[in-house]
């Protein structure tokens, strides 16, 4: 049976293989095309993914869900009332929810009513003036930017995959199909299964940049959700999540100073220096740099090497005054 959420059909089994990371290259391309065809498809994807994760955690066999969906489809076909195209996808979701509720039974209801308060947040990484790295119990590795902090709930089973970030960090998340990894910042929640990405939260913008894998970015205030692919950036601006394409390596380069520029404009450098180091960048006579692009690999270890590298690559005068970097023609 297929997911019908717009004119493009997608077989349910392919979607589940994609969620589990078992899809072939051709199947992955099919899912990505389906996701990009309609925002509604993205909504349905997250619904199916979230419920499938719960299904795995509850150890409910997939055959039970398939049988329930078959019965719902038969009832729908027998109905005299014509069903909207998108209704079928949501009926599948509803059927899976029904299975989960039946599996939990009264015990789930009682646990919900008497659920204990969550454990308090424990500081994993406190604010320091250097890059800090931490290895979580699930082997997820995190680089925390200077001046940032990271917290996590102190759970007895050690299986927690949820962190709270203040500032910026780079994540390499180990995949666990039954348990997504979640990063909370004040304006955004980022949910993944296994991928690498940079999260940045400062006084101007909250954003996430994807290096590998797929992530779900959710704006906290208005609950807008977006699926982001490698090379995409999601940034909250004026109560919207805006997306664009960027070089994700550059936004994680603060952790080791290894910068790999690829046809990078002066405007992108300005934004990068602010995101990575908090510098305000002023470009004098910007028209002189409108066609300037830089490519190459440089090691930036401090403010001096930063200014020297940019000066050489841009063929410009680059100097730092306080928290401002000024770029001007020679």
Protein backbone atom coordinates (compact mmCIF):
# COMPACT_ATOMS: atom_id res chain seq x y z
CA UNK A 1 0.00 0.00 0.00
CA UNK A 2 1.31 3.47 -0.83
CA UNK A 3 1.45 6.77 0.98
CA UNK A 4 -0.76 9.20 -0.95
CA UNK A 5 -0.21 12.73 0.26
CA UNK A 6 -0.03 14.41 -3.11
CA UNK A 7 0.22 13.25 -6.71
CA UNK A 8 3.48 11.40 -5.97
CA UNK A 9 3.12 7.87 -4.54
CA UNK A 10 5.68 6.37 -2.17
CA UNK A 11 5.67 2.81 -0.96
CA UNK A 12 5.55 2.57 2.83
CA UNK A 13 8.27 -0.08 2.95
CA UNK A 14 10.71 2.23 1.14
CA UNK A 15 10.00 5.04 3.60
CA UNK A 16 10.67 2.74 6.56
CA UNK A 17 13.90 1.50 4.97
CA UNK A 18 14.90 5.14 4.54
CA UNK A 19 14.12 5.93 8.19
CA UNK A 20 16.16 2.90 9.29
CA UNK A 21 19.07 3.90 7.04
CA UNK A 22 18.71 0.73 4.92
CA UNK A 23 17.45 2.30 1.67
CA UNK A 24 19.42 1.91 -1.54
CA UNK A 25 20.71 4.90 -3.48
CA UNK A 26 17.74 4.72 -5.85
CA UNK A 27 15.25 4.38 -2.97
CA UNK A 28 16.88 7.29 -1.14
CA UNK A 29 16.56 9.46 -4.24
CA UNK A 30 12.89 8.47 -4.49
CA UNK A 31 12.21 9.44 -0.87
CA UNK A 32 14.08 12.75 -1.18
CA UNK A 33 12.10 13.62 -4.32
CA UNK A 34 8.86 12.78 -2.50
CA UNK A 35 9.86 14.94 0.48
CA UNK A 36 10.71 17.89 -1.74
CA UNK A 37 7.46 17.58 -3.70
CA UNK A 38 5.28 18.95 -0.91
CA UNK A 39 5.58 20.43 2.61
CA UNK A 40 2.72 18.10 3.52
CA UNK A 41 4.92 15.13 2.66
CA UNK A 42 7.51 16.39 5.14
CA UNK A 43 4.85 16.62 7.84
CA UNK A 44 3.76 13.06 7.11
CA UNK A 45 7.38 11.86 7.10
CA UNK A 46 7.96 13.19 10.62
CA UNK A 47 4.68 11.70 11.85
CA UNK A 48 5.55 8.27 10.47
CA UNK A 49 9.14 8.49 11.72
CA UNK A 50 8.18 9.55 15.23
CA UNK A 51 5.56 6.84 15.56
CA UNK A 52 7.81 4.20 14.03
CA UNK A 53 10.47 5.07 16.62
CA UNK A 54 7.85 4.59 19.35
CA UNK A 55 6.79 1.32 17.74
CA UNK A 56 10.37 0.02 17.85
CA UNK A 57 10.76 1.12 21.45
CA UNK A 58 7.53 -0.73 22.36
CA UNK A 59 8.73 -3.81 20.39
CA UNK A 60 5.56 -3.93 18.31
CA UNK A 61 6.13 -6.00 15.14
CA UNK A 62 5.75 -4.16 11.86
CA UNK A 63 3.32 -6.84 10.64
CA UNK A 64 0.80 -5.67 13.23
CA UNK A 65 0.89 -2.17 11.84
CA UNK A 66 0.56 -3.42 8.25
CA UNK A 67 -2.49 -5.54 9.14
CA UNK A 68 -4.13 -2.60 10.88
CA UNK A 69 -3.50 -0.37 7.88
CA UNK A 70 -5.00 -3.03 5.56
CA UNK A 71 -8.17 -3.16 7.64
CA UNK A 72 -8.48 0.63 7.68
CA UNK A 73 -8.05 0.72 3.90
CA UNK A 74 -10.80 -1.89 3.43
CA UNK A 75 -13.19 0.11 5.60
CA UNK A 76 -12.33 3.26 3.69
CA UNK A 77 -12.97 1.55 0.36
CA UNK A 78 -16.33 0.25 1.61
CA UNK A 79 -17.44 3.70 2.70
CA UNK A 80 -19.88 5.49 0.44
CA UNK A 81 -18.29 8.82 1.29
CA UNK A 82 -15.38 9.68 -1.03
CA UNK A 83 -12.15 10.23 0.89
CA UNK A 84 -9.72 13.06 0.21
CA UNK A 85 -6.37 11.94 -1.21
CA UNK A 86 -4.39 13.05 1.81
CA UNK A 87 -6.70 11.26 4.25
CA UNK A 88 -5.12 7.86 3.59
CA UNK A 89 -1.70 8.91 4.90
CA UNK A 90 -3.16 10.17 8.15
CA UNK A 91 -5.23 7.00 8.59
CA UNK A 92 -2.00 5.01 8.56
CA UNK A 93 -0.63 7.22 11.29
CA UNK A 94 -3.85 6.89 13.27
CA UNK A 95 -3.74 3.10 12.91
CA UNK A 96 -0.21 2.95 14.31
CA UNK A 97 -1.23 5.14 17.23
CA UNK A 98 -4.10 2.73 17.91
CA UNK A 99 -1.66 -0.18 18.02
CA UNK A 100 0.57 1.65 20.47
CA UNK A 101 -2.35 2.49 22.73
CA UNK A 102 -3.60 -1.10 22.71
CA UNK A 103 -0.10 -2.41 23.41
CA UNK A 104 0.28 -0.11 26.39
CA UNK A 105 -3.21 -0.74 27.77
CA UNK A 106 -4.19 0.37 31.23
CA UNK A 107 -0.60 0.32 32.45
CA UNK A 108 0.31 3.10 29.99
CA UNK A 109 -2.68 5.15 31.16
CA UNK A 110 -1.71 4.77 34.81
CA UNK A 111 1.94 5.55 34.09
CA UNK A 112 0.89 8.70 32.26
CA UNK A 113 -1.18 9.86 35.20
CA UNK A 114 1.53 9.11 37.75
CA UNK A 115 4.58 9.97 35.65
CA UNK A 116 7.42 11.26 37.84
CA UNK A 117 8.96 14.65 37.28
CA UNK A 118 11.95 14.58 34.90
CA UNK A 119 15.39 14.49 36.45
CA UNK A 120 17.15 17.85 36.77
CA UNK A 121 19.62 18.94 34.14
CA UNK A 122 23.25 18.18 34.86
CA UNK A 123 26.09 20.26 33.39
CA UNK A 124 28.20 18.17 31.02
CA UNK A 125 30.36 21.03 29.78
CA UNK A 126 30.71 24.37 31.55
CA UNK A 127 31.65 27.61 29.80
CA UNK A 128 35.41 27.83 29.17
CA UNK A 129 37.77 29.74 26.91
CA UNK A 130 38.81 26.71 24.85
CA UNK A 131 37.15 24.12 22.64
CA UNK A 132 35.96 21.17 24.73
CA UNK A 133 35.11 17.68 23.50
CA UNK A 134 32.90 15.13 25.18
CA UNK A 135 32.05 11.51 24.42
CA UNK A 136 28.53 10.47 25.49
CA UNK A 137 27.68 6.93 26.70
CA UNK A 138 26.21 6.09 23.26
CA UNK A 139 29.57 7.09 21.62
CA UNK A 140 28.16 10.36 20.24
CA UNK A 141 30.95 12.92 20.11
CA UNK A 142 30.43 16.65 20.67
CA UNK A 143 32.75 19.63 20.25
CA UNK A 144 31.61 22.59 22.36
CA UNK A 145 32.66 26.07 21.27
CA UNK A 146 34.45 28.38 23.76
CA UNK A 147 31.96 30.28 25.89
CA UNK A 148 29.25 27.63 25.42
CA UNK A 149 27.75 25.08 27.79
CA UNK A 150 26.00 21.72 27.45
CA UNK A 151 23.52 20.04 29.81
CA UNK A 152 21.84 16.63 29.98
CA UNK A 153 19.41 14.86 32.26
CA UNK A 154 21.06 12.54 34.76
CA UNK A 155 19.27 9.23 34.11
CA UNK A 156 20.07 5.91 35.76
CA UNK A 157 19.94 3.79 32.62
CA UNK A 158 22.42 6.00 30.73
CA UNK A 159 20.27 5.82 27.60
CA UNK A 160 19.31 9.48 27.47
CA UNK A 161 19.77 11.07 24.03
CA UNK A 162 18.63 14.63 24.76
CA UNK A 163 20.85 17.64 25.47
CA UNK A 164 20.41 21.36 26.11
CA UNK A 165 22.91 23.71 24.49
CA UNK A 166 23.74 27.30 25.28
CA UNK A 167 25.97 28.70 22.54
CA UNK A 168 27.39 26.54 19.75
CA UNK A 169 28.57 22.97 19.25
CA UNK A 170 29.37 20.44 16.54
CA UNK A 171 27.78 17.00 16.84
CA UNK A 172 28.69 13.58 15.43
CA UNK A 173 25.71 11.50 16.50
CA UNK A 174 25.84 7.70 16.54
CA UNK A 175 22.72 6.16 15.03
CA UNK A 176 20.25 4.31 17.24
CA UNK A 177 17.14 3.53 15.21
CA UNK A 178 14.86 3.25 18.22
CA UNK A 179 16.02 6.44 19.94
CA UNK A 180 16.46 9.80 18.19
CA UNK A 181 19.00 12.34 19.43
CA UNK A 182 17.61 15.77 20.35
CA UNK A 183 19.36 19.12 20.82
CA UNK A 184 17.49 21.97 22.51
CA UNK A 185 18.41 25.62 22.12
CA UNK A 186 16.09 28.47 23.15
CA UNK A 187 14.54 29.07 19.70
CA UNK A 188 14.92 25.68 18.05
CA UNK A 189 14.86 21.92 18.60
CA UNK A 190 16.98 19.67 16.38
CA UNK A 191 16.10 15.96 16.11
CA UNK A 192 18.24 13.33 14.35
CA UNK A 193 18.92 9.59 14.29
CA UNK A 194 22.56 9.53 13.22
CA UNK A 195 24.31 12.42 11.48
CA UNK A 196 26.76 15.29 11.88
CA UNK A 197 25.82 18.94 12.13
CA UNK A 198 26.58 22.30 13.75
CA UNK A 199 24.14 24.13 16.02
CA UNK A 200 24.70 27.82 16.67
CA UNK A 201 22.70 30.06 18.98
CA UNK A 202 23.75 33.66 19.61
CA UNK A 203 22.14 37.03 20.27
CA UNK A 204 21.27 37.43 16.58
CA UNK A 205 20.16 34.06 15.19
CA UNK A 206 19.57 30.41 15.98
CA UNK A 207 20.69 28.11 13.19
CA UNK A 208 21.70 24.57 12.29
CA UNK A 209 24.00 23.50 9.44
CA UNK A 210 23.92 19.89 8.22
CA UNK A 211 27.14 18.08 7.31
CA UNK A 212 25.79 14.55 6.83
CA UNK A 213 22.45 12.79 7.17
CA UNK A 214 19.01 14.34 7.61
CA UNK A 215 17.70 16.38 10.53
CA UNK A 216 14.39 17.82 11.65
CA UNK A 217 14.52 21.44 12.80
CA UNK A 218 11.55 22.74 14.81
CA UNK A 219 11.07 26.40 15.71
CA UNK A 220 10.12 26.48 19.39
CA UNK A 221 7.87 29.54 19.32
CA UNK A 222 5.72 28.74 16.29
CA UNK A 223 6.25 24.98 15.79
CA UNK A 224 7.38 25.23 12.17
CA UNK A 225 9.17 22.03 11.11
CA UNK A 226 11.66 21.57 8.28
CA UNK A 227 13.65 18.62 6.99
CA UNK A 228 17.23 19.65 6.21
CA UNK A 229 19.67 17.80 3.95
CA UNK A 230 23.49 17.87 3.82
CA UNK A 231 24.78 21.30 2.80
CA UNK A 232 21.60 23.05 3.95
CA UNK A 233 21.30 25.61 6.71
CA UNK A 234 18.18 26.42 8.70
CA UNK A 235 18.09 29.81 10.42
CA UNK A 236 15.34 31.49 12.41
CA UNK A 237 14.71 35.00 11.11
CA UNK A 238 11.60 37.08 11.85
CA UNK A 239 9.61 34.13 13.23
CA UNK A 240 10.39 31.87 10.27
CA UNK A 241 12.91 29.13 9.56
CA UNK A 242 14.72 30.18 6.42
CA UNK A 243 16.89 27.72 4.50
CA UNK A 244 19.77 28.14 2.11
CA UNK A 245 22.78 26.23 0.82
CA UNK A 246 26.20 26.70 2.38
CA UNK A 247 29.54 25.00 2.95
CA UNK A 248 28.91 23.12 6.22
CA UNK A 249 32.60 22.41 6.83
CA UNK A 250 33.30 26.10 7.33
CA UNK A 251 30.74 26.39 10.12
CA UNK A 252 32.42 23.55 12.04
CA UNK A 253 36.00 24.72 11.38
CA UNK A 254 36.23 26.62 14.66
CA UNK A 255 36.79 23.29 16.45
CA UNK A 256 40.19 22.66 14.81
CA UNK A 257 40.94 25.76 12.72
CA UNK A 258 40.91 23.75 9.47
CA UNK A 259 39.16 25.95 6.89
CA UNK A 260 38.43 24.70 3.37
CA UNK A 261 37.11 27.60 1.30
CA UNK A 262 35.34 26.76 -1.96
CA UNK A 263 34.41 29.75 -4.12
CA UNK A 264 33.49 31.67 -0.95
CA UNK A 265 32.33 35.29 -1.30
CA UNK A 266 33.25 38.17 0.98
CA UNK A 267 29.63 38.32 2.15
CA UNK A 268 29.79 34.68 3.20
CA UNK A 269 33.07 35.33 5.01
CA UNK A 270 31.40 38.17 6.92
CA UNK A 271 28.57 35.91 8.06
CA UNK A 272 30.97 33.07 8.85
CA UNK A 273 33.21 35.19 11.08
CA UNK A 274 30.21 36.35 13.03
CA UNK A 275 28.78 32.83 13.44
CA UNK A 276 32.10 31.19 14.37
CA UNK A 277 33.73 33.92 16.46
CA UNK A 278 31.10 36.56 17.16
CA UNK A 279 33.02 39.25 15.26
CA UNK A 280 31.25 42.19 13.67
CA UNK A 281 32.71 42.57 10.19
CA UNK A 282 32.84 45.86 8.30
CA UNK A 283 33.62 45.80 4.57
CA UNK A 284 34.85 49.12 3.22
CA UNK A 285 34.19 49.83 -0.46
CA UNK A 286 32.20 46.60 -0.83
CA UNK A 287 31.77 47.16 -4.57
CA UNK A 288 35.48 46.35 -4.98
CA UNK A 289 34.80 42.84 -3.63
CA UNK A 290 31.51 42.02 -5.38
CA UNK A 291 33.17 39.53 -7.75
CA UNK A 292 35.79 38.27 -5.31
CA UNK A 293 35.73 34.56 -4.45
CA UNK A 294 38.32 32.58 -2.51
CA UNK A 295 39.18 28.88 -2.57
CA UNK A 296 41.84 26.97 -0.69
CA UNK A 297 42.70 25.39 2.63
CA UNK A 298 44.18 27.38 5.51
CA UNK A 299 44.84 26.73 9.18
CA UNK A 300 43.51 29.47 11.46
CA UNK A 301 44.68 29.16 15.05
CA UNK A 302 44.33 32.70 16.39
CA UNK A 303 43.34 36.25 15.48
CA UNK A 304 46.67 36.98 13.80
CA UNK A 305 46.55 33.92 11.54
CA UNK A 306 42.91 34.74 10.73
CA UNK A 307 43.69 38.26 9.55
CA UNK A 308 46.84 37.18 7.70
CA UNK A 309 45.05 34.36 5.86
CA UNK A 310 42.12 36.53 4.80
CA UNK A 311 44.43 39.37 3.79
CA UNK A 312 46.43 37.07 1.50
CA UNK A 313 43.43 35.30 -0.02
CA UNK A 314 41.36 38.45 -0.56
CA UNK A 315 44.36 40.59 -1.53
CA UNK A 316 43.02 43.14 0.92
CA UNK A 317 43.90 44.91 4.13
CA UNK A 318 42.32 42.95 7.01
CA UNK A 319 42.77 44.05 10.61
CA UNK A 320 40.98 43.61 13.92
CA UNK A 321 39.93 46.43 16.25
CA UNK A 322 38.24 45.29 19.45
CA UNK A 323 35.45 42.96 18.39
CA UNK A 324 35.39 44.32 14.83
CA UNK A 325 37.22 43.05 11.78
CA UNK A 326 37.66 45.58 8.99
CA UNK A 327 38.20 44.46 5.40
CA UNK A 328 39.22 47.08 2.86
CA UNK A 329 41.01 47.21 -0.51
CA UNK A 330 44.76 47.67 -0.41
